[in-house]
Amino acid sequence: MTAPYHYGKQFQQFLQQQLLQQKLKA
């Protein structure tokens, strides 16, 4: 039952990285 939580955390980190990359590109 801990897998979904861990995945969510990784997904959030990935989203943050994508946002950072977009800011740098802009």
PDB file of N, CA and C in Angstrom:
ATOM      1  N   MET A   1       0.826  -1.210   0.000  1.00  0.00           N
ATOM      2  CA  MET A   1       0.000   0.000   0.000  1.00  0.00           C
ATOM      3  C   MET A   1       0.863   1.265   0.000  1.00  0.00           C
ATOM      4  N   THR A   2       2.182   1.070   0.098  1.00  0.00           N
ATOM      5  CA  THR A   2       3.046   2.260   0.140  1.00  0.00           C
ATOM      6  C   THR A   2       3.488   2.651  -1.274  1.00  0.00           C
ATOM      7  N   ALA A   3       3.236   1.766  -2.229  1.00  0.00           N
ATOM      8  CA  ALA A   3       3.672   2.052  -3.601  1.00  0.00           C
ATOM      9  C   ALA A   3       3.005   3.315  -4.165  1.00  0.00           C
ATOM     10  N   PRO A   4       1.690   3.452  -4.096  1.00  0.00           N
ATOM     11  CA  PRO A   4       1.022   4.646  -4.646  1.00  0.00           C
ATOM     12  C   PRO A   4       1.584   5.935  -4.046  1.00  0.00           C
ATOM     13  N   TYR A   5       1.841   5.941  -2.754  1.00  0.00           N
ATOM     14  CA  TYR A   5       2.357   7.146  -2.101  1.00  0.00           C
ATOM     15  C   TYR A   5       3.736   7.493  -2.656  1.00  0.00           C
ATOM     16  N   HIS A   6       4.581   6.476  -2.775  1.00  0.00           N
ATOM     17  CA  HIS A   6       5.935   6.696  -3.289  1.00  0.00           C
ATOM     18  C   HIS A   6       5.858   7.202  -4.725  1.00  0.00           C
ATOM     19  N   TYR A   7       4.982   6.617  -5.518  1.00  0.00           N
ATOM     20  CA  TYR A   7       4.828   7.029  -6.911  1.00  0.00           C
ATOM     21  C   TYR A   7       4.358   8.482  -6.992  1.00  0.00           C
ATOM     22  N   GLY A   8       3.427   8.833  -6.124  1.00  0.00           N
ATOM     23  CA  GLY A   8       2.921  10.204  -6.108  1.00  0.00           C
ATOM     24  C   GLY A   8       4.041  11.193  -5.819  1.00  0.00           C
ATOM     25  N   LYS A   9       4.901  10.826  -4.883  1.00  0.00           N
ATOM     26  CA  LYS A   9       6.013  11.712  -4.524  1.00  0.00           C
ATOM     27  C   LYS A   9       6.944  11.893  -5.719  1.00  0.00           C
ATOM     28  N   GLN A  10       7.243  10.789  -6.395  1.00  0.00           N
ATOM     29  CA  GLN A  10       8.135  10.858  -7.564  1.00  0.00           C
ATOM     30  C   GLN A  10       7.489  11.695  -8.668  1.00  0.00           C
ATOM     31  N   PHE A  11       6.197  11.512  -8.867  1.00  0.00           N
ATOM     32  CA  PHE A  11       5.478  12.246  -9.906  1.00  0.00           C
ATOM     33  C   PHE A  11       5.509  13.745  -9.624  1.00  0.00           C
ATOM     34  N   GLN A  12       5.331  14.117  -8.343  1.00  0.00           N
ATOM     35  CA  GLN A  12       5.367  15.534  -7.970  1.00  0.00           C
ATOM     36  C   GLN A  12       6.741  16.128  -8.277  1.00  0.00           C
ATOM     37  N   GLN A  13       7.790  15.355  -7.960  1.00  0.00           N
ATOM     38  CA  GLN A  13       9.152  15.820  -8.231  1.00  0.00           C
ATOM     39  C   GLN A  13       9.344  16.027  -9.733  1.00  0.00           C
ATOM     40  N   PHE A  14       8.836  15.086 -10.515  1.00  0.00           N
ATOM     41  CA  PHE A  14       8.942  15.171 -11.976  1.00  0.00           C
ATOM     42  C   PHE A  14       8.224  16.416 -12.496  1.00  0.00           C
ATOM     43  N   LEU A  15       7.039  16.677 -11.952  1.00  0.00           N
ATOM     44  CA  LEU A  15       6.279  17.857 -12.376  1.00  0.00           C
ATOM     45  C   LEU A  15       7.059  19.127 -12.059  1.00  0.00           C
ATOM     46  N   GLN A  16       7.654  19.181 -10.881  1.00  0.00           N
ATOM     47  CA  GLN A  16       8.426  20.361 -10.494  1.00  0.00           C
ATOM     48  C   GLN A  16       9.594  20.570 -11.445  1.00  0.00           C
ATOM     49  N   GLN A  17      10.249  19.491 -11.822  1.00  0.00           N
ATOM     50  CA  GLN A  17      11.386  19.584 -12.744  1.00  0.00           C
ATOM     51  C   GLN A  17      10.914  20.123 -14.102  1.00  0.00           C
ATOM     52  N   GLN A  18       9.774  19.651 -14.562  1.00  0.00           N
ATOM     53  CA  GLN A  18       9.240  20.095 -15.843  1.00  0.00           C
ATOM     54  C   GLN A  18       8.953  21.601 -15.790  1.00  0.00           C
ATOM     55  N   LEU A  19       8.381  22.053 -14.676  1.00  0.00           N
ATOM     56  CA  LEU A  19       8.071  23.474 -14.515  1.00  0.00           C
ATOM     57  C   LEU A  19       9.346  24.296 -14.547  1.00  0.00           C
ATOM     58  N   LEU A  20      10.385  23.809 -13.879  1.00  0.00           N
ATOM     59  CA  LEU A  20      11.664  24.511 -13.854  1.00  0.00           C
ATOM     60  C   LEU A  20      12.233  24.618 -15.261  1.00  0.00           C
ATOM     61  N   GLN A  21      12.172  23.543 -16.009  1.00  0.00           N
ATOM     62  CA  GLN A  21      12.694  23.540 -17.370  1.00  0.00           C
ATOM     63  C   GLN A  21      11.927  24.532 -18.244  1.00  0.00           C
ATOM     64  N   GLN A  22      10.611  24.572 -18.078  1.00  0.00           N
ATOM     65  CA  GLN A  22       9.789  25.497 -18.862  1.00  0.00           C
ATOM     66  C   GLN A  22      10.168  26.939 -18.527  1.00  0.00           C
ATOM     67  N   LYS A  23      10.403  27.220 -17.244  1.00  0.00           N
ATOM     68  CA  LYS A  23      10.768  28.577 -16.832  1.00  0.00           C
ATOM     69  C   LYS A  23      12.109  28.971 -17.443  1.00  0.00           C
ATOM     70  N   LEU A  24      13.032  28.008 -17.475  1.00  0.00           N
ATOM     71  CA  LEU A  24      14.346  28.299 -18.038  1.00  0.00           C
ATOM     72  C   LEU A  24      14.249  28.533 -19.547  1.00  0.00           C
ATOM     73  N   LYS A  25      13.393  27.775 -20.200  1.00  0.00           N
ATOM     74  CA  LYS A  25      13.230  27.917 -21.654  1.00  0.00           C
ATOM     75  C   LYS A  25      12.586  29.256 -21.988  1.00  0.00           C
ATOM     76  N   ALA A  26      11.603  29.659 -21.228  1.00  0.00           N
ATOM     77  CA  ALA A  26      10.865  30.892 -21.497  1.00  0.00           C
ATOM     78  C   ALA A  26      11.727  32.149 -21.374  1.00  0.00           C
TER      79      ALA A  26
END
